[in-house]
């Protein structure tokens, strides 16, 4: 049995109500720790909170990163949001490509949303930005992770990427705002202090000039990659800076790669 996305109309309504909010005293810290990983690996980078007051019922978060170093693959739930439905291609079914009108979720997933909440994310709308929306059925508080962004590391050793919390908003489920008739019209917003981090690509031990990481230095593929990077057809990372002058895939780097490919020089 399937359910249409009526539940998301409820979610959108809740977010609209939450948006009509006044600040709650006391700041909740939302932070991303500095972390690292090697080229070609997949890493989950947690978004954490501490000193969450009351019950956090919803959050909107944007994480900005360097798309030449990391590729965003999606998100997973955190320790404080365990059990929520992660909205992705595995949980949202579309009978036809790009047809959201008839999209639906299963009966079991629909129940999960009502029991725990949901986590939605968008990794494609803006290059270098991951947008995350969280709705918690009963709210959460305390300290822990609320989500983790899954990245593929595409940069080279020494490359860095900011992990900037460019947007963070949170709403207090235990602090409703009511009108004279007693109807809830909103929830108080929670004051937030964002603390951003940095991702560093660790040296994976690849030899200088082995751009495709196949263990062969300055082979035909490496030469082709250097030439492509020199004209901007592919992204040139610090791995392409063979002469160490801070310019990736410049004329000297191309010349060095060509010389190494025929054995005139050794790249060290």
C-alpha atoms as a PDB file:
ATOM      1  CA  UNK A   1       0.000   0.000   0.000  1.00  0.00           C
ATOM      2  CA  UNK A   2       1.226   3.516  -0.708  1.00  0.00           C
ATOM      3  CA  UNK A   3       0.592   6.993   0.621  1.00  0.00           C
ATOM      4  CA  UNK A   4       0.812  10.204  -1.375  1.00  0.00           C
ATOM      5  CA  UNK A   5       2.829  13.075  -0.012  1.00  0.00           C
ATOM      6  CA  UNK A   6      -0.056  14.597   1.957  1.00  0.00           C
ATOM      7  CA  UNK A   7       2.133  14.237   5.033  1.00  0.00           C
ATOM      8  CA  UNK A   8       4.454  16.784   3.499  1.00  0.00           C
ATOM      9  CA  UNK A   9       1.628  19.261   3.263  1.00  0.00           C
ATOM     10  CA  UNK A  10       1.379  18.863   7.025  1.00  0.00           C
ATOM     11  CA  UNK A  11       5.132  19.317   7.293  1.00  0.00           C
ATOM     12  CA  UNK A  12       5.048  22.455   5.155  1.00  0.00           C
ATOM     13  CA  UNK A  13       2.218  23.807   7.299  1.00  0.00           C
ATOM     14  CA  UNK A  14       4.252  23.129  10.418  1.00  0.00           C
ATOM     15  CA  UNK A  15       7.252  24.944   8.976  1.00  0.00           C
ATOM     16  CA  UNK A  16       5.012  27.882   8.055  1.00  0.00           C
ATOM     17  CA  UNK A  17       3.743  28.037  11.624  1.00  0.00           C
ATOM     18  CA  UNK A  18       7.252  27.746  13.009  1.00  0.00           C
ATOM     19  CA  UNK A  19       8.369  30.593  10.795  1.00  0.00           C
ATOM     20  CA  UNK A  20       5.988  32.915  12.685  1.00  0.00           C
ATOM     21  CA  UNK A  21       8.260  32.931  15.692  1.00  0.00           C
ATOM     22  CA  UNK A  22       9.921  35.057  18.327  1.00  0.00           C
ATOM     23  CA  UNK A  23      13.375  34.303  19.732  1.00  0.00           C
ATOM     24  CA  UNK A  24      13.872  32.063  22.765  1.00  0.00           C
ATOM     25  CA  UNK A  25      16.420  33.253  25.324  1.00  0.00           C
ATOM     26  CA  UNK A  26      19.692  31.319  25.483  1.00  0.00           C
ATOM     27  CA  UNK A  27      21.756  30.224  22.507  1.00  0.00           C
ATOM     28  CA  UNK A  28      22.041  26.686  21.176  1.00  0.00           C
ATOM     29  CA  UNK A  29      25.431  25.923  19.633  1.00  0.00           C
ATOM     30  CA  UNK A  30      25.324  24.233  16.217  1.00  0.00           C
ATOM     31  CA  UNK A  31      28.750  23.143  15.041  1.00  0.00           C
ATOM     32  CA  UNK A  32      30.788  21.137  12.569  1.00  0.00           C
ATOM     33  CA  UNK A  33      34.159  19.841  13.735  1.00  0.00           C
ATOM     34  CA  UNK A  34      37.342  20.081  11.691  1.00  0.00           C
ATOM     35  CA  UNK A  35      37.871  16.738   9.969  1.00  0.00           C
ATOM     36  CA  UNK A  36      39.873  15.057   7.236  1.00  0.00           C
ATOM     37  CA  UNK A  37      39.867  12.173   4.760  1.00  0.00           C
ATOM     38  CA  UNK A  38      41.789  10.780   1.821  1.00  0.00           C
ATOM     39  CA  UNK A  39      41.084  11.117  -1.898  1.00  0.00           C
ATOM     40  CA  UNK A  40      38.522   8.666  -3.240  1.00  0.00           C
ATOM     41  CA  UNK A  41      36.916   7.868   0.097  1.00  0.00           C
ATOM     42  CA  UNK A  42      33.402   8.577   1.354  1.00  0.00           C
ATOM     43  CA  UNK A  43      33.048  10.456   4.629  1.00  0.00           C
ATOM     44  CA  UNK A  44      30.074  11.301   6.851  1.00  0.00           C
ATOM     45  CA  UNK A  45      30.517  14.722   8.468  1.00  0.00           C
ATOM     46  CA  UNK A  46      28.200  15.240  11.468  1.00  0.00           C
ATOM     47  CA  UNK A  47      26.320  18.432  12.235  1.00  0.00           C
ATOM     48  CA  UNK A  48      26.131  18.665  16.016  1.00  0.00           C
ATOM     49  CA  UNK A  49      24.214  20.663  18.594  1.00  0.00           C
ATOM     50  CA  UNK A  50      24.917  21.376  22.237  1.00  0.00           C
ATOM     51  CA  UNK A  51      22.844  23.060  24.926  1.00  0.00           C
ATOM     52  CA  UNK A  52      19.636  22.549  22.963  1.00  0.00           C
ATOM     53  CA  UNK A  53      16.910  24.126  25.154  1.00  0.00           C
ATOM     54  CA  UNK A  54      13.350  22.886  25.478  1.00  0.00           C
ATOM     55  CA  UNK A  55      12.385  20.611  22.604  1.00  0.00           C
ATOM     56  CA  UNK A  56      13.737  21.408  19.157  1.00  0.00           C
ATOM     57  CA  UNK A  57      10.895  20.647  16.758  1.00  0.00           C
ATOM     58  CA  UNK A  58      12.345  21.793  13.446  1.00  0.00           C
ATOM     59  CA  UNK A  59      15.562  23.076  11.916  1.00  0.00           C
ATOM     60  CA  UNK A  60      16.680  24.550   8.594  1.00  0.00           C
ATOM     61  CA  UNK A  61      20.401  24.296   7.821  1.00  0.00           C
ATOM     62  CA  UNK A  62      22.631  25.157   4.864  1.00  0.00           C
ATOM     63  CA  UNK A  63      26.202  23.882   4.679  1.00  0.00           C
ATOM     64  CA  UNK A  64      28.566  25.526   2.189  1.00  0.00           C
ATOM     65  CA  UNK A  65      31.618  23.617   0.928  1.00  0.00           C
ATOM     66  CA  UNK A  66      34.186  23.614  -1.873  1.00  0.00           C
ATOM     67  CA  UNK A  67      32.843  21.459  -4.742  1.00  0.00           C
ATOM     68  CA  UNK A  68      36.344  20.984  -6.176  1.00  0.00           C
ATOM     69  CA  UNK A  69      37.329  19.161  -2.984  1.00  0.00           C
ATOM     70  CA  UNK A  70      34.098  17.435  -1.945  1.00  0.00           C
ATOM     71  CA  UNK A  71      31.045  16.069  -3.732  1.00  0.00           C
ATOM     72  CA  UNK A  72      27.853  15.926  -1.647  1.00  0.00           C
ATOM     73  CA  UNK A  73      26.062  12.587  -1.910  1.00  0.00           C
ATOM     74  CA  UNK A  74      23.222  13.058   0.606  1.00  0.00           C
ATOM     75  CA  UNK A  75      22.512  13.047   4.321  1.00  0.00           C
ATOM     76  CA  UNK A  76      21.784  10.567   7.099  1.00  0.00           C
ATOM     77  CA  UNK A  77      20.125  11.023  10.478  1.00  0.00           C
ATOM     78  CA  UNK A  78      22.043  11.759  13.672  1.00  0.00           C
ATOM     79  CA  UNK A  79      21.971  10.473  17.227  1.00  0.00           C
ATOM     80  CA  UNK A  80      19.351  13.037  18.296  1.00  0.00           C
ATOM     81  CA  UNK A  81      17.171  12.404  15.234  1.00  0.00           C
ATOM     82  CA  UNK A  82      17.548   8.632  15.043  1.00  0.00           C
ATOM     83  CA  UNK A  83      14.543   6.959  13.435  1.00  0.00           C
ATOM     84  CA  UNK A  84      13.332   9.880  11.319  1.00  0.00           C
ATOM     85  CA  UNK A  85      12.572   9.182   7.677  1.00  0.00           C
ATOM     86  CA  UNK A  86      15.385  10.356   5.422  1.00  0.00           C
ATOM     87  CA  UNK A  87      13.673  11.604   2.285  1.00  0.00           C
ATOM     88  CA  UNK A  88      15.610  10.434  -0.769  1.00  0.00           C
ATOM     89  CA  UNK A  89      15.193   8.354  -3.925  1.00  0.00           C
ATOM     90  CA  UNK A  90      14.858   5.230  -1.805  1.00  0.00           C
ATOM     91  CA  UNK A  91      11.860   6.587   0.126  1.00  0.00           C
ATOM     92  CA  UNK A  92      10.135   8.835  -2.428  1.00  0.00           C
ATOM     93  CA  UNK A  93       8.784   6.971  -5.428  1.00  0.00           C
ATOM     94  CA  UNK A  94       7.907   8.717  -8.675  1.00  0.00           C
ATOM     95  CA  UNK A  95       5.916   6.792 -11.286  1.00  0.00           C
ATOM     96  CA  UNK A  96       7.543   8.878 -14.012  1.00  0.00           C
ATOM     97  CA  UNK A  97      10.823  10.828 -14.064  1.00  0.00           C
ATOM     98  CA  UNK A  98      10.485  14.336 -12.631  1.00  0.00           C
ATOM     99  CA  UNK A  99       6.793  13.735 -11.874  1.00  0.00           C
ATOM    100  CA  UNK A 100       6.396  14.981  -8.311  1.00  0.00           C
ATOM    101  CA  UNK A 101       2.627  15.361  -8.592  1.00  0.00           C
ATOM    102  CA  UNK A 102       2.078  11.617  -8.304  1.00  0.00           C
ATOM    103  CA  UNK A 103       5.038  10.898  -6.029  1.00  0.00           C
ATOM    104  CA  UNK A 104       4.315   8.790  -2.981  1.00  0.00           C
ATOM    105  CA  UNK A 105       5.856   7.091   0.020  1.00  0.00           C
ATOM    106  CA  UNK A 106       5.076   3.663   1.385  1.00  0.00           C
ATOM    107  CA  UNK A 107       2.641   3.001   4.224  1.00  0.00           C
ATOM    108  CA  UNK A 108       5.550   2.043   6.487  1.00  0.00           C
ATOM    109  CA  UNK A 109       7.492   5.216   5.666  1.00  0.00           C
ATOM    110  CA  UNK A 110       4.390   7.316   6.171  1.00  0.00           C
ATOM    111  CA  UNK A 111       4.048   5.846   9.666  1.00  0.00           C
ATOM    112  CA  UNK A 112       7.707   6.588  10.350  1.00  0.00           C
ATOM    113  CA  UNK A 113       7.129  10.263   9.609  1.00  0.00           C
ATOM    114  CA  UNK A 114       4.210  10.392  12.030  1.00  0.00           C
ATOM    115  CA  UNK A 115       6.096   8.442  14.690  1.00  0.00           C
ATOM    116  CA  UNK A 116       9.496  10.132  14.482  1.00  0.00           C
ATOM    117  CA  UNK A 117       9.665  12.897  11.898  1.00  0.00           C
ATOM    118  CA  UNK A 118      11.561  13.456   8.664  1.00  0.00           C
ATOM    119  CA  UNK A 119      14.836  14.742   7.289  1.00  0.00           C
ATOM    120  CA  UNK A 120      14.913  16.235   3.798  1.00  0.00           C
ATOM    121  CA  UNK A 121      17.971  17.414   1.914  1.00  0.00           C
ATOM    122  CA  UNK A 122      18.938  18.995  -1.388  1.00  0.00           C
ATOM    123  CA  UNK A 123      22.483  18.612  -2.683  1.00  0.00           C
ATOM    124  CA  UNK A 124      21.911  19.763  -6.253  1.00  0.00           C
ATOM    125  CA  UNK A 125      20.030  23.100  -6.237  1.00  0.00           C
ATOM    126  CA  UNK A 126      23.181  25.186  -5.718  1.00  0.00           C
ATOM    127  CA  UNK A 127      26.692  23.971  -6.420  1.00  0.00           C
ATOM    128  CA  UNK A 128      28.657  23.836  -3.180  1.00  0.00           C
ATOM    129  CA  UNK A 129      25.633  24.026  -0.862  1.00  0.00           C
ATOM    130  CA  UNK A 130      23.704  21.316   0.998  1.00  0.00           C
ATOM    131  CA  UNK A 131      20.267  22.362   2.269  1.00  0.00           C
ATOM    132  CA  UNK A 132      18.752  20.319   5.099  1.00  0.00           C
ATOM    133  CA  UNK A 133      15.313  20.453   6.698  1.00  0.00           C
ATOM    134  CA  UNK A 134      14.482  18.497   9.869  1.00  0.00           C
ATOM    135  CA  UNK A 135      11.112  17.946  11.520  1.00  0.00           C
ATOM    136  CA  UNK A 136      11.080  16.017  14.805  1.00  0.00           C
ATOM    137  CA  UNK A 137       7.726  14.578  15.869  1.00  0.00           C
ATOM    138  CA  UNK A 138       8.286  15.029  19.607  1.00  0.00           C
ATOM    139  CA  UNK A 139      11.343  17.262  19.560  1.00  0.00           C
ATOM    140  CA  UNK A 140      14.868  16.700  20.869  1.00  0.00           C
ATOM    141  CA  UNK A 141      17.221  18.417  23.276  1.00  0.00           C
ATOM    142  CA  UNK A 142      20.656  18.053  24.826  1.00  0.00           C
ATOM    143  CA  UNK A 143      23.882  17.416  22.953  1.00  0.00           C
ATOM    144  CA  UNK A 144      24.617  15.208  19.942  1.00  0.00           C
ATOM    145  CA  UNK A 145      24.460  14.985  16.152  1.00  0.00           C
ATOM    146  CA  UNK A 146      21.296  15.950  14.287  1.00  0.00           C
ATOM    147  CA  UNK A 147      22.424  14.873  10.810  1.00  0.00           C
ATOM    148  CA  UNK A 148      25.521  13.937   8.868  1.00  0.00           C
ATOM    149  CA  UNK A 149      26.353  15.036   5.342  1.00  0.00           C
ATOM    150  CA  UNK A 150      27.851  12.280   3.199  1.00  0.00           C
ATOM    151  CA  UNK A 151      30.642  13.445   0.882  1.00  0.00           C
ATOM    152  CA  UNK A 152      32.961  11.858  -1.643  1.00  0.00           C
ATOM    153  CA  UNK A 153      36.485  13.255  -1.339  1.00  0.00           C
ATOM    154  CA  UNK A 154      37.637  14.331  -4.810  1.00  0.00           C
ATOM    155  CA  UNK A 155      40.418  16.733  -3.823  1.00  0.00           C
ATOM    156  CA  UNK A 156      44.101  15.963  -3.538  1.00  0.00           C
ATOM    157  CA  UNK A 157      46.359  15.799  -0.502  1.00  0.00           C
ATOM    158  CA  UNK A 158      46.608  19.184   1.194  1.00  0.00           C
ATOM    159  CA  UNK A 159      43.417  20.594  -0.338  1.00  0.00           C
ATOM    160  CA  UNK A 160      40.925  22.113   2.083  1.00  0.00           C
ATOM    161  CA  UNK A 161      37.246  22.910   2.021  1.00  0.00           C
ATOM    162  CA  UNK A 162      35.250  25.138   4.368  1.00  0.00           C
ATOM    163  CA  UNK A 163      32.330  23.477   6.116  1.00  0.00           C
ATOM    164  CA  UNK A 164      30.384  26.665   6.674  1.00  0.00           C
ATOM    165  CA  UNK A 165      27.037  26.725   8.445  1.00  0.00           C
ATOM    166  CA  UNK A 166      25.729  29.532   6.268  1.00  0.00           C
ATOM    167  CA  UNK A 167      22.108  29.194   7.426  1.00  0.00           C
ATOM    168  CA  UNK A 168      20.854  27.800  10.728  1.00  0.00           C
ATOM    169  CA  UNK A 169      17.340  28.233  12.134  1.00  0.00           C
ATOM    170  CA  UNK A 170      15.687  26.279  14.945  1.00  0.00           C
ATOM    171  CA  UNK A 171      12.252  26.299  16.587  1.00  0.00           C
ATOM    172  CA  UNK A 172      11.135  25.349  20.080  1.00  0.00           C
ATOM    173  CA  UNK A 173       8.322  22.801  20.080  1.00  0.00           C
ATOM    174  CA  UNK A 174       7.810  23.292  23.818  1.00  0.00           C
ATOM    175  CA  UNK A 175       7.218  27.044  23.450  1.00  0.00           C
ATOM    176  CA  UNK A 176       4.069  27.493  21.345  1.00  0.00           C
ATOM    177  CA  UNK A 177       2.664  30.914  20.537  1.00  0.00           C
ATOM    178  CA  UNK A 178      -1.120  31.061  20.835  1.00  0.00           C
ATOM    179  CA  UNK A 179      -3.777  33.601  19.961  1.00  0.00           C
ATOM    180  CA  UNK A 180      -6.616  34.788  22.169  1.00  0.00           C
ATOM    181  CA  UNK A 181      -8.662  31.752  21.209  1.00  0.00           C
ATOM    182  CA  UNK A 182      -5.926  29.365  22.332  1.00  0.00           C
ATOM    183  CA  UNK A 183      -4.945  28.294  18.818  1.00  0.00           C
ATOM    184  CA  UNK A 184      -1.261  27.731  18.200  1.00  0.00           C
ATOM    185  CA  UNK A 185      -0.052  30.238  15.613  1.00  0.00           C
ATOM    186  CA  UNK A 186       3.677  29.629  15.844  1.00  0.00           C
ATOM    187  CA  UNK A 187       6.595  28.507  17.952  1.00  0.00           C
ATOM    188  CA  UNK A 188       9.372  30.520  19.499  1.00  0.00           C
ATOM    189  CA  UNK A 189      12.614  30.470  17.551  1.00  0.00           C
ATOM    190  CA  UNK A 190      15.748  29.335  19.311  1.00  0.00           C
ATOM    191  CA  UNK A 191      18.784  31.592  19.336  1.00  0.00           C
ATOM    192  CA  UNK A 192      21.607  29.790  17.549  1.00  0.00           C
ATOM    193  CA  UNK A 193      25.382  30.209  17.561  1.00  0.00           C
ATOM    194  CA  UNK A 194      26.880  28.476  14.484  1.00  0.00           C
ATOM    195  CA  UNK A 195      30.470  27.226  14.563  1.00  0.00           C
ATOM    196  CA  UNK A 196      31.863  26.152  11.195  1.00  0.00           C
ATOM    197  CA  UNK A 197      34.674  23.721  10.436  1.00  0.00           C
ATOM    198  CA  UNK A 198      37.254  22.829   7.790  1.00  0.00           C
ATOM    199  CA  UNK A 199      37.822  19.628   5.843  1.00  0.00           C
ATOM    200  CA  UNK A 200      41.389  18.716   4.880  1.00  0.00           C
ATOM    201  CA  UNK A 201      42.349  16.100   2.323  1.00  0.00           C
ATOM    202  CA  UNK A 202      45.049  13.895   3.797  1.00  0.00           C
ATOM    203  CA  UNK A 203      48.019  12.832   1.733  1.00  0.00           C
ATOM    204  CA  UNK A 204      47.096   9.408   0.409  1.00  0.00           C
ATOM    205  CA  UNK A 205      50.664   8.540  -0.484  1.00  0.00           C
ATOM    206  CA  UNK A 206      50.299   8.976  -4.259  1.00  0.00           C
ATOM    207  CA  UNK A 207      53.498   9.775  -6.107  1.00  0.00           C
ATOM    208  CA  UNK A 208      53.899  13.177  -7.732  1.00  0.00           C
ATOM    209  CA  UNK A 209      52.657  12.975 -11.310  1.00  0.00           C
ATOM    210  CA  UNK A 210      50.349  10.005 -10.715  1.00  0.00           C
ATOM    211  CA  UNK A 211      47.193  12.012 -11.347  1.00  0.00           C
ATOM    212  CA  UNK A 212      44.912   9.015 -11.936  1.00  0.00           C
ATOM    213  CA  UNK A 213      46.301   7.187  -8.877  1.00  0.00           C
ATOM    214  CA  UNK A 214      46.988   3.960 -10.725  1.00  0.00           C
ATOM    215  CA  UNK A 215      50.535   3.642  -9.431  1.00  0.00           C
ATOM    216  CA  UNK A 216      52.112   4.749 -12.735  1.00  0.00           C
ATOM    217  CA  UNK A 217      53.793   8.168 -12.805  1.00  0.00           C
ATOM    218  CA  UNK A 218      53.390  10.355 -15.909  1.00  0.00           C
ATOM    219  CA  UNK A 219      51.705   7.712 -18.012  1.00  0.00           C
ATOM    220  CA  UNK A 220      49.473   8.565 -20.974  1.00  0.00           C
ATOM    221  CA  UNK A 221      46.419   9.178 -18.790  1.00  0.00           C
ATOM    222  CA  UNK A 222      48.372  11.479 -16.464  1.00  0.00           C
ATOM    223  CA  UNK A 223      49.597  13.504 -19.454  1.00  0.00           C
ATOM    224  CA  UNK A 224      46.057  13.760 -20.842  1.00  0.00           C
ATOM    225  CA  UNK A 225      44.688  14.862 -17.466  1.00  0.00           C
ATOM    226  CA  UNK A 226      47.374  17.557 -17.117  1.00  0.00           C
ATOM    227  CA  UNK A 227      46.612  18.885 -20.605  1.00  0.00           C
ATOM    228  CA  UNK A 228      42.860  18.922 -19.901  1.00  0.00           C
ATOM    229  CA  UNK A 229      43.392  20.733 -16.611  1.00  0.00           C
ATOM    230  CA  UNK A 230      45.684  23.287 -18.264  1.00  0.00           C
ATOM    231  CA  UNK A 231      42.844  24.441 -20.547  1.00  0.00           C
ATOM    232  CA  UNK A 232      40.136  24.212 -17.911  1.00  0.00           C
ATOM    233  CA  UNK A 233      38.385  21.098 -19.181  1.00  0.00           C
ATOM    234  CA  UNK A 234      38.776  19.471 -15.753  1.00  0.00           C
ATOM    235  CA  UNK A 235      39.459  20.965 -12.326  1.00  0.00           C
ATOM    236  CA  UNK A 236      43.138  21.397 -11.482  1.00  0.00           C
ATOM    237  CA  UNK A 237      43.826  20.700  -7.799  1.00  0.00           C
ATOM    238  CA  UNK A 238      47.112  21.191  -5.945  1.00  0.00           C
ATOM    239  CA  UNK A 239      48.178  17.749  -7.204  1.00  0.00           C
ATOM    240  CA  UNK A 240      48.703  19.366 -10.614  1.00  0.00           C
ATOM    241  CA  UNK A 241      51.204  21.894  -9.230  1.00  0.00           C
ATOM    242  CA  UNK A 242      54.324  19.912 -10.079  1.00  0.00           C
ATOM    243  CA  UNK A 243      56.758  22.820  -9.667  1.00  0.00           C
ATOM    244  CA  UNK A 244      55.231  23.970  -6.363  1.00  0.00           C
ATOM    245  CA  UNK A 245      54.708  27.584  -7.396  1.00  0.00           C
ATOM    246  CA  UNK A 246      51.077  27.691  -6.290  1.00  0.00           C
ATOM    247  CA  UNK A 247      49.742  27.653  -9.869  1.00  0.00           C
ATOM    248  CA  UNK A 248      47.955  24.422 -10.748  1.00  0.00           C
ATOM    249  CA  UNK A 249      48.491  22.987 -14.247  1.00  0.00           C
ATOM    250  CA  UNK A 250      50.364  26.004 -15.603  1.00  0.00           C
ATOM    251  CA  UNK A 251      52.772  25.849 -18.563  1.00  0.00           C
ATOM    252  CA  UNK A 252      55.692  24.665 -16.436  1.00  0.00           C
ATOM    253  CA  UNK A 253      53.599  21.859 -14.929  1.00  0.00           C
ATOM    254  CA  UNK A 254      52.584  20.710 -18.412  1.00  0.00           C
ATOM    255  CA  UNK A 255      56.194  20.768 -19.578  1.00  0.00           C
ATOM    256  CA  UNK A 256      57.354  18.804 -16.535  1.00  0.00           C
ATOM    257  CA  UNK A 257      54.668  16.157 -17.089  1.00  0.00           C
ATOM    258  CA  UNK A 258      55.648  15.778 -20.754  1.00  0.00           C
ATOM    259  CA  UNK A 259      59.344  15.522 -19.870  1.00  0.00           C
ATOM    260  CA  UNK A 260      58.633  12.935 -17.190  1.00  0.00           C
ATOM    261  CA  UNK A 261      56.498  10.912 -19.593  1.00  0.00           C
ATOM    262  CA  UNK A 262      59.505  10.344 -21.888  1.00  0.00           C
ATOM    263  CA  UNK A 263      62.000   9.871 -19.075  1.00  0.00           C
ATOM    264  CA  UNK A 264      63.844  13.195 -19.404  1.00  0.00           C
ATOM    265  CA  UNK A 265      63.180  14.064 -15.747  1.00  0.00           C
ATOM    266  CA  UNK A 266      62.071  12.292 -12.572  1.00  0.00           C
ATOM    267  CA  UNK A 267      59.239  13.826 -10.569  1.00  0.00           C
ATOM    268  CA  UNK A 268      60.170  13.913  -6.901  1.00  0.00           C
END
